[in-house]
Amino acid sequence: MPKLDRTYSTSSNLFEQKEEVVHYLGMSKVEIAKVFAYLNSVSYNYALGYPPKMDKAAFSMRK
């Protein structure tokens, strides 16, 4: 599986608009959330709508 290019996007402040933002300007928050969910599913390789469960045993204080 090819890896995503993490060097493409750069950080900025509120007053600078990068070219990545242009695609999301007319979208509502719900639509942006759907795009974010899709991109997460692709980058972490899980089925859309079925994210993996968090392993809470790693944070358990019981011994």
C-alpha atoms as a PDB file:
ATOM      1  CA  MET A   1       0.000   0.000   0.000  1.00  0.00           C
ATOM      2  CA  PRO A   2       1.504   3.385  -0.935  1.00  0.00           C
ATOM      3  CA  LYS A   3       2.044   5.836   1.904  1.00  0.00           C
ATOM      4  CA  LEU A   4       0.594   9.337   1.950  1.00  0.00           C
ATOM      5  CA  ASP A   5       2.962  12.203   1.246  1.00  0.00           C
ATOM      6  CA  ARG A   6       3.030  14.027   4.582  1.00  0.00           C
ATOM      7  CA  THR A   7       5.344  16.748   3.269  1.00  0.00           C
ATOM      8  CA  TYR A   8       2.735  18.153   0.836  1.00  0.00           C
ATOM      9  CA  SER A   9       0.759  20.127   3.415  1.00  0.00           C
ATOM     10  CA  THR A  10       2.314  22.864   5.540  1.00  0.00           C
ATOM     11  CA  SER A  11       1.143  24.697   8.629  1.00  0.00           C
ATOM     12  CA  SER A  12      -0.133  28.256   8.462  1.00  0.00           C
ATOM     13  CA  ASN A  13      -2.074  30.829  10.460  1.00  0.00           C
ATOM     14  CA  LEU A  14      -5.638  32.141  10.142  1.00  0.00           C
ATOM     15  CA  PHE A  15      -4.709  34.934   7.765  1.00  0.00           C
ATOM     16  CA  GLU A  16      -2.934  32.781   5.187  1.00  0.00           C
ATOM     17  CA  GLN A  17      -4.959  30.488   2.966  1.00  0.00           C
ATOM     18  CA  LYS A  18      -3.053  27.620   1.477  1.00  0.00           C
ATOM     19  CA  GLU A  19      -4.085  26.016  -1.783  1.00  0.00           C
ATOM     20  CA  GLU A  20      -5.329  22.929   0.115  1.00  0.00           C
ATOM     21  CA  VAL A  21      -8.115  25.042   1.674  1.00  0.00           C
ATOM     22  CA  VAL A  22      -9.701  26.016  -1.651  1.00  0.00           C
ATOM     23  CA  HIS A  23     -11.477  22.653  -1.986  1.00  0.00           C
ATOM     24  CA  TYR A  24     -13.266  23.065   1.361  1.00  0.00           C
ATOM     25  CA  LEU A  25     -14.380  26.717   1.218  1.00  0.00           C
ATOM     26  CA  GLY A  26     -18.024  26.120   0.237  1.00  0.00           C
ATOM     27  CA  MET A  27     -18.560  23.046   2.401  1.00  0.00           C
ATOM     28  CA  SER A  28     -20.514  22.810   5.625  1.00  0.00           C
ATOM     29  CA  LYS A  29     -19.006  21.376   8.798  1.00  0.00           C
ATOM     30  CA  VAL A  30     -20.841  18.084   8.233  1.00  0.00           C
ATOM     31  CA  GLU A  31     -19.408  17.719   4.728  1.00  0.00           C
ATOM     32  CA  ILE A  32     -15.897  18.491   5.963  1.00  0.00           C
ATOM     33  CA  ALA A  33     -16.336  15.889   8.721  1.00  0.00           C
ATOM     34  CA  LYS A  34     -17.288  13.272   6.093  1.00  0.00           C
ATOM     35  CA  VAL A  35     -14.181  14.106   4.060  1.00  0.00           C
ATOM     36  CA  PHE A  36     -12.052  13.891   7.222  1.00  0.00           C
ATOM     37  CA  ALA A  37     -13.560  10.492   8.105  1.00  0.00           C
ATOM     38  CA  TYR A  38     -12.845   9.210   4.593  1.00  0.00           C
ATOM     39  CA  LEU A  39      -9.248  10.436   4.620  1.00  0.00           C
ATOM     40  CA  ASN A  40      -8.679   8.859   8.052  1.00  0.00           C
ATOM     41  CA  SER A  41     -10.065   5.528   6.841  1.00  0.00           C
ATOM     42  CA  VAL A  42      -7.738   5.593   3.825  1.00  0.00           C
ATOM     43  CA  SER A  43      -4.650   6.647   5.752  1.00  0.00           C
ATOM     44  CA  TYR A  44      -5.141   4.148   8.612  1.00  0.00           C
ATOM     45  CA  ASN A  45      -6.494   1.363   6.361  1.00  0.00           C
ATOM     46  CA  TYR A  46      -9.875   0.564   7.891  1.00  0.00           C
ATOM     47  CA  ALA A  47     -13.366   0.299   6.394  1.00  0.00           C
ATOM     48  CA  LEU A  48     -15.237   3.598   6.186  1.00  0.00           C
ATOM     49  CA  GLY A  49     -17.695   3.854   9.071  1.00  0.00           C
ATOM     50  CA  TYR A  50     -15.989   1.104  11.088  1.00  0.00           C
ATOM     51  CA  PRO A  51     -12.982   2.659  12.863  1.00  0.00           C
ATOM     52  CA  PRO A  52     -10.882   0.322  15.015  1.00  0.00           C
ATOM     53  CA  LYS A  53     -11.645   0.131  18.720  1.00  0.00           C
ATOM     54  CA  MET A  54      -9.137   1.661  21.103  1.00  0.00           C
ATOM     55  CA  ASP A  55      -7.198  -0.853  23.205  1.00  0.00           C
ATOM     56  CA  LYS A  56      -7.957   0.428  26.695  1.00  0.00           C
ATOM     57  CA  ALA A  57      -5.879  -2.293  28.374  1.00  0.00           C
ATOM     58  CA  ALA A  58      -2.745  -0.215  27.723  1.00  0.00           C
ATOM     59  CA  PHE A  59      -4.127   2.515  30.005  1.00  0.00           C
ATOM     60  CA  SER A  60      -5.387   0.219  32.764  1.00  0.00           C
ATOM     61  CA  MET A  61      -4.128   0.861  36.290  1.00  0.00           C
ATOM     62  CA  ARG A  62      -4.961  -2.679  37.472  1.00  0.00           C
ATOM     63  CA  LYS A  63      -2.126  -5.110  38.041  1.00  0.00           C
END
